[in-house]
Amino acid sequence: VQLVESGGGLVQTGDSLMLSCVASGRPSGRGIMGW
């Protein structure tokens, strides 16, 4: 499994930001993805 994050940056207090993680080669079955 390979994981690639994106979306970080510099923001000010109170701002919003969204991070994304794309998984390639995800195995079958039930698992957990986390930050």
PDB file of all heavy atoms in Angstrom:
ATOM      1  N   VAL A   1       0.844  -1.188   0.000  1.00  0.00           N
ATOM      2  CA  VAL A   1       0.000   0.000   0.000  1.00  0.00           C
ATOM      3  C   VAL A   1       0.883   1.243   0.000  1.00  0.00           C
ATOM      4  O   VAL A   1       1.834   1.341   0.787  1.00  0.00           O
ATOM      5  CB  VAL A   1      -0.918   0.014   1.230  1.00  0.00           C
ATOM      6  CG1 VAL A   1      -1.729   1.309   1.272  1.00  0.00           C
ATOM      7  CG2 VAL A   1      -1.852  -1.187   1.218  1.00  0.00           C
ATOM      8  N   GLN A   2       0.585   2.163  -0.870  1.00  0.00           N
ATOM      9  CA  GLN A   2       1.288   3.446  -0.900  1.00  0.00           C
ATOM     10  C   GLN A   2       0.300   4.566  -0.613  1.00  0.00           C
ATOM     11  O   GLN A   2      -0.809   4.576  -1.149  1.00  0.00           O
ATOM     12  CB  GLN A   2       1.965   3.662  -2.252  1.00  0.00           C
ATOM     13  CG  GLN A   2       3.105   2.687  -2.515  1.00  0.00           C
ATOM     14  CD  GLN A   2       3.809   2.965  -3.827  1.00  0.00           C
ATOM     15  OE1 GLN A   2       3.189   3.348  -4.811  1.00  0.00           O
ATOM     16  NE2 GLN A   2       5.110   2.785  -3.834  1.00  0.00           N
ATOM     17  N   LEU A   3       0.712   5.502   0.225  1.00  0.00           N
ATOM     18  CA  LEU A   3      -0.143   6.612   0.636  1.00  0.00           C
ATOM     19  C   LEU A   3       0.523   7.923   0.256  1.00  0.00           C
ATOM     20  O   LEU A   3       1.706   8.121   0.540  1.00  0.00           O
ATOM     21  CB  LEU A   3      -0.380   6.570   2.140  1.00  0.00           C
ATOM     22  CG  LEU A   3      -0.924   5.264   2.719  1.00  0.00           C
ATOM     23  CD1 LEU A   3      -0.966   5.327   4.244  1.00  0.00           C
ATOM     24  CD2 LEU A   3      -2.302   4.971   2.163  1.00  0.00           C
ATOM     25  N   VAL A   4      -0.252   8.808  -0.344  1.00  0.00           N
ATOM     26  CA  VAL A   4       0.270  10.109  -0.747  1.00  0.00           C
ATOM     27  C   VAL A   4      -0.655  11.190  -0.210  1.00  0.00           C
ATOM     28  O   VAL A   4      -1.837  11.236  -0.558  1.00  0.00           O
ATOM     29  CB  VAL A   4       0.382  10.228  -2.276  1.00  0.00           C
ATOM     30  CG1 VAL A   4       0.898  11.613  -2.655  1.00  0.00           C
ATOM     31  CG2 VAL A   4       1.309   9.142  -2.824  1.00  0.00           C
ATOM     32  N   GLU A   5      -0.101  12.067   0.644  1.00  0.00           N
ATOM     33  CA  GLU A   5      -0.878  13.159   1.225  1.00  0.00           C
ATOM     34  C   GLU A   5      -0.714  14.424   0.398  1.00  0.00           C
ATOM     35  O   GLU A   5       0.292  14.618  -0.284  1.00  0.00           O
ATOM     36  CB  GLU A   5      -0.425  13.470   2.655  1.00  0.00           C
ATOM     37  CG  GLU A   5      -0.420  12.308   3.605  1.00  0.00           C
ATOM     38  CD  GLU A   5       0.972  11.798   3.858  1.00  0.00           C
ATOM     39  OE1 GLU A   5       1.823  11.935   2.962  1.00  0.00           O
ATOM     40  OE2 GLU A   5       1.223  11.265   4.959  1.00  0.00           O
ATOM     41  N   SER A   6      -1.694  15.297   0.534  1.00  0.00           N
ATOM     42  CA  SER A   6      -1.619  16.624  -0.068  1.00  0.00           C
ATOM     43  C   SER A   6      -2.522  17.558   0.725  1.00  0.00           C
ATOM     44  O   SER A   6      -3.379  17.097   1.497  1.00  0.00           O
ATOM     45  CB  SER A   6      -2.049  16.594  -1.531  1.00  0.00           C
ATOM     46  OG  SER A   6      -3.395  16.169  -1.647  1.00  0.00           O
ATOM     47  N   GLY A   7      -2.300  18.857   0.545  1.00  0.00           N
ATOM     48  CA  GLY A   7      -3.214  19.836   1.128  1.00  0.00           C
ATOM     49  C   GLY A   7      -2.673  20.644   2.287  1.00  0.00           C
ATOM     50  O   GLY A   7      -3.373  21.512   2.806  1.00  0.00           O
ATOM     51  N   GLY A   8      -1.460  20.386   2.723  1.00  0.00           N
ATOM     52  CA  GLY A   8      -0.915  21.170   3.826  1.00  0.00           C
ATOM     53  C   GLY A   8      -0.625  22.592   3.395  1.00  0.00           C
ATOM     54  O   GLY A   8      -0.723  22.950   2.222  1.00  0.00           O
ATOM     55  N   GLY A   9      -0.261  23.426   4.366  1.00  0.00           N
ATOM     56  CA  GLY A   9       0.074  24.804   4.052  1.00  0.00           C
ATOM     57  C   GLY A   9       0.142  25.673   5.279  1.00  0.00           C
ATOM     58  O   GLY A   9       0.080  25.191   6.413  1.00  0.00           O
ATOM     59  N   LEU A  10       0.255  26.968   5.036  1.00  0.00           N
ATOM     60  CA  LEU A  10       0.332  27.968   6.103  1.00  0.00           C
ATOM     61  C   LEU A  10      -0.991  28.727   6.154  1.00  0.00           C
ATOM     62  O   LEU A  10      -1.425  29.288   5.139  1.00  0.00           O
ATOM     63  CB  LEU A  10       1.480  28.934   5.816  1.00  0.00           C
ATOM     64  CG  LEU A  10       1.588  30.168   6.716  1.00  0.00           C
ATOM     65  CD1 LEU A  10       1.854  29.755   8.159  1.00  0.00           C
ATOM     66  CD2 LEU A  10       2.687  31.102   6.212  1.00  0.00           C
ATOM     67  N   VAL A  11      -1.615  28.720   7.322  1.00  0.00           N
ATOM     68  CA  VAL A  11      -2.888  29.411   7.504  1.00  0.00           C
ATOM     69  C   VAL A  11      -2.842  30.198   8.809  1.00  0.00           C
ATOM     70  O   VAL A  11      -1.901  30.060   9.594  1.00  0.00           O
ATOM     71  CB  VAL A  11      -4.072  28.434   7.525  1.00  0.00           C
ATOM     72  CG1 VAL A  11      -4.221  27.724   6.186  1.00  0.00           C
ATOM     73  CG2 VAL A  11      -3.931  27.437   8.663  1.00  0.00           C
ATOM     74  N   GLN A  12      -3.877  30.986   9.036  1.00  0.00           N
ATOM     75  CA  GLN A  12      -3.973  31.758  10.268  1.00  0.00           C
ATOM     76  C   GLN A  12      -4.947  31.098  11.244  1.00  0.00           C
ATOM     77  O   GLN A  12      -5.769  30.267  10.847  1.00  0.00           O
ATOM     78  CB  GLN A  12      -4.426  33.181   9.955  1.00  0.00           C
ATOM     79  CG  GLN A  12      -3.446  33.967   9.111  1.00  0.00           C
ATOM     80  CD  GLN A  12      -3.893  35.405   8.888  1.00  0.00           C
ATOM     81  OE1 GLN A  12      -5.077  35.712   8.936  1.00  0.00           O
ATOM     82  NE2 GLN A  12      -2.928  36.304   8.649  1.00  0.00           N
ATOM     83  N   THR A  13      -4.832  31.487  12.483  1.00  0.00           N
ATOM     84  CA  THR A  13      -5.737  30.965  13.501  1.00  0.00           C
ATOM     85  C   THR A  13      -7.193  31.175  13.092  1.00  0.00           C
ATOM     86  O   THR A  13      -7.561  32.269  12.672  1.00  0.00           O
ATOM     87  CB  THR A  13      -5.473  31.658  14.850  1.00  0.00           C
ATOM     88  OG1 THR A  13      -4.135  31.357  15.275  1.00  0.00           O
ATOM     89  CG2 THR A  13      -6.441  31.164  15.908  1.00  0.00           C
ATOM     90  N   GLY A  14      -7.976  30.102  13.207  1.00  0.00           N
ATOM     91  CA  GLY A  14      -9.378  30.173  12.850  1.00  0.00           C
ATOM     92  C   GLY A  14      -9.693  29.757  11.431  1.00  0.00           C
ATOM     93  O   GLY A  14     -10.869  29.551  11.083  1.00  0.00           O
ATOM     94  N   ASP A  15      -8.666  29.626  10.621  1.00  0.00           N
ATOM     95  CA  ASP A  15      -8.864  29.219   9.230  1.00  0.00           C
ATOM     96  C   ASP A  15      -9.146  27.730   9.119  1.00  0.00           C
ATOM     97  O   ASP A  15      -9.058  26.974  10.101  1.00  0.00           O
ATOM     98  CB  ASP A  15      -7.631  29.563   8.394  1.00  0.00           C
ATOM     99  CG  ASP A  15      -7.532  31.037   8.091  1.00  0.00           C
ATOM    100  OD1 ASP A  15      -8.496  31.776   8.393  1.00  0.00           O
ATOM    101  OD2 ASP A  15      -6.483  31.462   7.565  1.00  0.00           O
ATOM    102  N   SER A  16      -9.468  27.311   7.898  1.00  0.00           N
ATOM    103  CA  SER A  16      -9.725  25.899   7.602  1.00  0.00           C
ATOM    104  C   SER A  16      -8.733  25.398   6.569  1.00  0.00           C
ATOM    105  O   SER A  16      -8.174  26.169   5.785  1.00  0.00           O
ATOM    106  CB  SER A  16     -11.157  25.715   7.069  1.00  0.00           C
ATOM    107  OG  SER A  16     -12.111  26.102   8.034  1.00  0.00           O
ATOM    108  N   LEU A  17      -8.564  24.084   6.577  1.00  0.00           N
ATOM    109  CA  LEU A  17      -7.659  23.434   5.636  1.00  0.00           C
ATOM    110  C   LEU A  17      -8.145  22.003   5.456  1.00  0.00           C
ATOM    111  O   LEU A  17      -8.666  21.395   6.394  1.00  0.00           O
ATOM    112  CB  LEU A  17      -6.238  23.444   6.187  1.00  0.00           C
ATOM    113  CG  LEU A  17      -5.042  23.371   5.255  1.00  0.00           C
ATOM    114  CD1 LEU A  17      -5.045  24.528   4.259  1.00  0.00           C
ATOM    115  CD2 LEU A  17      -3.752  23.376   6.067  1.00  0.00           C
ATOM    116  N   MET A  18      -7.985  21.476   4.255  1.00  0.00           N
ATOM    117  CA  MET A  18      -8.369  20.089   4.022  1.00  0.00           C
ATOM    118  C   MET A  18      -7.168  19.294   3.523  1.00  0.00           C
ATOM    119  O   MET A  18      -6.507  19.692   2.563  1.00  0.00           O
ATOM    120  CB  MET A  18      -9.509  19.985   3.011  1.00  0.00           C
ATOM    121  CG  MET A  18     -10.043  18.564   2.868  1.00  0.00           C
ATOM    122  SD  MET A  18     -11.502  18.449   1.814  1.00  0.00           S
ATOM    123  CE  MET A  18     -10.742  18.661   0.199  1.00  0.00           C
ATOM    124  N   LEU A  19      -6.913  18.190   4.175  1.00  0.00           N
ATOM    125  CA  LEU A  19      -5.856  17.270   3.758  1.00  0.00           C
ATOM    126  C   LEU A  19      -6.478  16.075   3.047  1.00  0.00           C
ATOM    127  O   LEU A  19      -7.567  15.625   3.416  1.00  0.00           O
ATOM    128  CB  LEU A  19      -5.069  16.776   4.967  1.00  0.00           C
ATOM    129  CG  LEU A  19      -4.463  17.836   5.886  1.00  0.00           C
ATOM    130  CD1 LEU A  19      -3.674  17.161   7.004  1.00  0.00           C
ATOM    131  CD2 LEU A  19      -3.588  18.793   5.117  1.00  0.00           C
ATOM    132  N   SER A  20      -5.773  15.586   2.050  1.00  0.00           N
ATOM    133  CA  SER A  20      -6.231  14.403   1.321  1.00  0.00           C
ATOM    134  C   SER A  20      -5.146  13.343   1.338  1.00  0.00           C
ATOM    135  O   SER A  20      -3.955  13.659   1.340  1.00  0.00           O
ATOM    136  CB  SER A  20      -6.584  14.760  -0.121  1.00  0.00           C
ATOM    137  OG  SER A  20      -7.694  15.624  -0.180  1.00  0.00           O
ATOM    138  N   CYS A  21      -5.586  12.106   1.302  1.00  0.00           N
ATOM    139  CA  CYS A  21      -4.656  10.974   1.249  1.00  0.00           C
ATOM    140  C   CYS A  21      -5.203   9.983   0.232  1.00  0.00           C
ATOM    141  O   CYS A  21      -6.328   9.488   0.389  1.00  0.00           O
ATOM    142  CB  CYS A  21      -4.532  10.330   2.625  1.00  0.00           C
ATOM    143  SG  CYS A  21      -3.537   8.821   2.633  1.00  0.00           S
ATOM    144  N   VAL A  22      -4.410   9.731  -0.782  1.00  0.00           N
ATOM    145  CA  VAL A  22      -4.796   8.760  -1.806  1.00  0.00           C
ATOM    146  C   VAL A  22      -4.009   7.480  -1.587  1.00  0.00           C
ATOM    147  O   VAL A  22      -2.777   7.513  -1.468  1.00  0.00           O
ATOM    148  CB  VAL A  22      -4.539   9.306  -3.217  1.00  0.00           C
ATOM    149  CG1 VAL A  22      -4.938   8.276  -4.262  1.00  0.00           C
ATOM    150  CG2 VAL A  22      -5.306  10.609  -3.432  1.00  0.00           C
ATOM    151  N   ALA A  23      -4.723   6.378  -1.530  1.00  0.00           N
ATOM    152  CA  ALA A  23      -4.098   5.071  -1.311  1.00  0.00           C
ATOM    153  C   ALA A  23      -4.071   4.282  -2.608  1.00  0.00           C
ATOM    154  O   ALA A  23      -5.077   4.171  -3.299  1.00  0.00           O
ATOM    155  CB  ALA A  23      -4.865   4.293  -0.248  1.00  0.00           C
ATOM    156  N   SER A  24      -2.915   3.745  -2.933  1.00  0.00           N
ATOM    157  CA  SER A  24      -2.793   2.850  -4.079  1.00  0.00           C
ATOM    158  C   SER A  24      -2.406   1.473  -3.561  1.00  0.00           C
ATOM    159  O   SER A  24      -1.732   1.351  -2.539  1.00  0.00           O
ATOM    160  CB  SER A  24      -1.747   3.355  -5.069  1.00  0.00           C
ATOM    161  OG  SER A  24      -0.485   3.433  -4.445  1.00  0.00           O
ATOM    162  N   GLY A  25      -2.871   0.449  -4.265  1.00  0.00           N
ATOM    163  CA  GLY A  25      -2.554  -0.898  -3.832  1.00  0.00           C
ATOM    164  C   GLY A  25      -3.255  -1.267  -2.547  1.00  0.00           C
ATOM    165  O   GLY A  25      -2.742  -2.052  -1.761  1.00  0.00           O
ATOM    166  N   ARG A  26      -4.446  -0.705  -2.297  1.00  0.00           N
ATOM    167  CA  ARG A  26      -5.171  -0.972  -1.048  1.00  0.00           C
ATOM    168  C   ARG A  26      -5.562  -2.429  -0.983  1.00  0.00           C
ATOM    169  O   ARG A  26      -6.165  -2.960  -1.911  1.00  0.00           O
ATOM    170  CB  ARG A  26      -6.409  -0.084  -0.973  1.00  0.00           C
ATOM    171  CG  ARG A  26      -7.179  -0.235   0.316  1.00  0.00           C
ATOM    172  CD  ARG A  26      -8.214   0.877   0.456  1.00  0.00           C
ATOM    173  NE  ARG A  26      -9.280   0.774  -0.513  1.00  0.00           N
ATOM    174  CZ  ARG A  26     -10.397   0.081  -0.329  1.00  0.00           C
ATOM    175  NH1 ARG A  26     -10.557  -0.597   0.792  1.00  0.00           N
ATOM    176  NH2 ARG A  26     -11.335   0.060  -1.245  1.00  0.00           N
ATOM    177  N   PRO A  27      -5.251  -3.108   0.108  1.00  0.00           N
ATOM    178  CA  PRO A  27      -5.599  -4.516   0.229  1.00  0.00           C
ATOM    179  C   PRO A  27      -7.096  -4.686   0.421  1.00  0.00           C
ATOM    180  O   PRO A  27      -7.792  -3.768   0.821  1.00  0.00           O
ATOM    181  CB  PRO A  27      -4.829  -4.966   1.470  1.00  0.00           C
ATOM    182  CG  PRO A  27      -4.633  -3.730   2.268  1.00  0.00           C
ATOM    183  CD  PRO A  27      -4.505  -2.619   1.265  1.00  0.00           C
ATOM    184  N   SER A  28      -7.585  -5.857   0.123  1.00  0.00           N
ATOM    185  CA  SER A  28      -9.004  -6.127   0.307  1.00  0.00           C
ATOM    186  C   SER A  28      -9.288  -6.361   1.776  1.00  0.00           C
ATOM    187  O   SER A  28      -8.386  -6.487   2.596  1.00  0.00           O
ATOM    188  CB  SER A  28      -9.406  -7.347  -0.518  1.00  0.00           C
ATOM    189  OG  SER A  28      -8.641  -8.464  -0.102  1.00  0.00           O
ATOM    190  N   GLY A  29     -10.576  -6.427   2.106  1.00  0.00           N
ATOM    191  CA  GLY A  29     -10.942  -6.640   3.498  1.00  0.00           C
ATOM    192  C   GLY A  29     -11.118  -5.336   4.239  1.00  0.00           C
ATOM    193  O   GLY A  29     -11.099  -4.248   3.662  1.00  0.00           O
ATOM    194  N   ARG A  30     -11.298  -5.450   5.545  1.00  0.00           N
ATOM    195  CA  ARG A  30     -11.583  -4.287   6.377  1.00  0.00           C
ATOM    196  C   ARG A  30     -10.321  -3.822   7.088  1.00  0.00           C
ATOM    197  O   ARG A  30      -9.576  -4.638   7.638  1.00  0.00           O
ATOM    198  CB  ARG A  30     -12.660  -4.652   7.392  1.00  0.00           C
ATOM    199  CG  ARG A  30     -13.273  -3.467   8.131  1.00  0.00           C
ATOM    200  CD  ARG A  30     -14.515  -3.934   8.873  1.00  0.00           C
ATOM    201  NE  ARG A  30     -15.140  -2.913   9.673  1.00  0.00           N
ATOM    202  CZ  ARG A  30     -16.002  -2.019   9.223  1.00  0.00           C
ATOM    203  NH1 ARG A  30     -16.322  -2.010   7.956  1.00  0.00           N
ATOM    204  NH2 ARG A  30     -16.543  -1.136  10.028  1.00  0.00           N
ATOM    205  N   GLY A  31     -10.090  -2.526   7.049  1.00  0.00           N
ATOM    206  CA  GLY A  31      -8.926  -1.968   7.727  1.00  0.00           C
ATOM    207  C   GLY A  31      -9.227  -0.578   8.230  1.00  0.00           C
ATOM    208  O   GLY A  31     -10.395  -0.189   8.336  1.00  0.00           O
ATOM    209  N   ILE A  32      -8.206   0.170   8.544  1.00  0.00           N
ATOM    210  CA  ILE A  32      -8.357   1.523   9.072  1.00  0.00           C
ATOM    211  C   ILE A  32      -7.400   2.449   8.338  1.00  0.00           C
ATOM    212  O   ILE A  32      -6.245   2.097   8.096  1.00  0.00           O
ATOM    213  CB  ILE A  32      -8.034   1.585  10.572  1.00  0.00           C
ATOM    214  CG1 ILE A  32      -8.932   0.645  11.373  1.00  0.00           C
ATOM    215  CG2 ILE A  32      -8.206   3.015  11.092  1.00  0.00           C
ATOM    216  CD1 ILE A  32      -8.590   0.606  12.859  1.00  0.00           C
ATOM    217  N   MET A  33      -7.893   3.614   7.988  1.00  0.00           N
ATOM    218  CA  MET A  33      -7.020   4.691   7.510  1.00  0.00           C
ATOM    219  C   MET A  33      -7.125   5.831   8.507  1.00  0.00           C
ATOM    220  O   MET A  33      -8.223   6.150   8.969  1.00  0.00           O
ATOM    221  CB  MET A  33      -7.422   5.156   6.118  1.00  0.00           C
ATOM    222  CG  MET A  33      -7.075   4.151   5.033  1.00  0.00           C
ATOM    223  SD  MET A  33      -7.372   4.779   3.370  1.00  0.00           S
ATOM    224  CE  MET A  33      -6.044   5.974   3.202  1.00  0.00           C
ATOM    225  N   GLY A  34      -5.991   6.406   8.830  1.00  0.00           N
ATOM    226  CA  GLY A  34      -6.014   7.437   9.851  1.00  0.00           C
ATOM    227  C   GLY A  34      -5.035   8.555   9.583  1.00  0.00           C
ATOM    228  O   GLY A  34      -4.247   8.512   8.625  1.00  0.00           O
ATOM    229  N   TRP A  35      -5.115   9.567  10.417  1.00  0.00           N
ATOM    230  CA  TRP A  35      -4.205  10.697  10.371  1.00  0.00           C
ATOM    231  C   TRP A  35      -3.509  10.827  11.726  1.00  0.00           C
ATOM    232  O   TRP A  35      -4.150  10.738  12.782  1.00  0.00           O
ATOM    233  CB  TRP A  35      -4.956  11.984  10.056  1.00  0.00           C
ATOM    234  CG  TRP A  35      -5.461  12.070   8.657  1.00  0.00           C
ATOM    235  CD1 TRP A  35      -6.693  11.703   8.200  1.00  0.00           C
ATOM    236  CD2 TRP A  35      -4.739  12.554   7.521  1.00  0.00           C
ATOM    237  NE1 TRP A  35      -6.780  11.920   6.852  1.00  0.00           N
ATOM    238  CE2 TRP A  35      -5.596  12.447   6.403  1.00  0.00           C
ATOM    239  CE3 TRP A  35      -3.461  13.070   7.321  1.00  0.00           C
ATOM    240  CZ2 TRP A  35      -5.224  12.845   5.114  1.00  0.00           C
ATOM    241  CZ3 TRP A  35      -3.084  13.461   6.049  1.00  0.00           C
ATOM    242  CH2 TRP A  35      -3.955  13.346   4.962  1.00  0.00           C
TER     243      TRP A  35
END
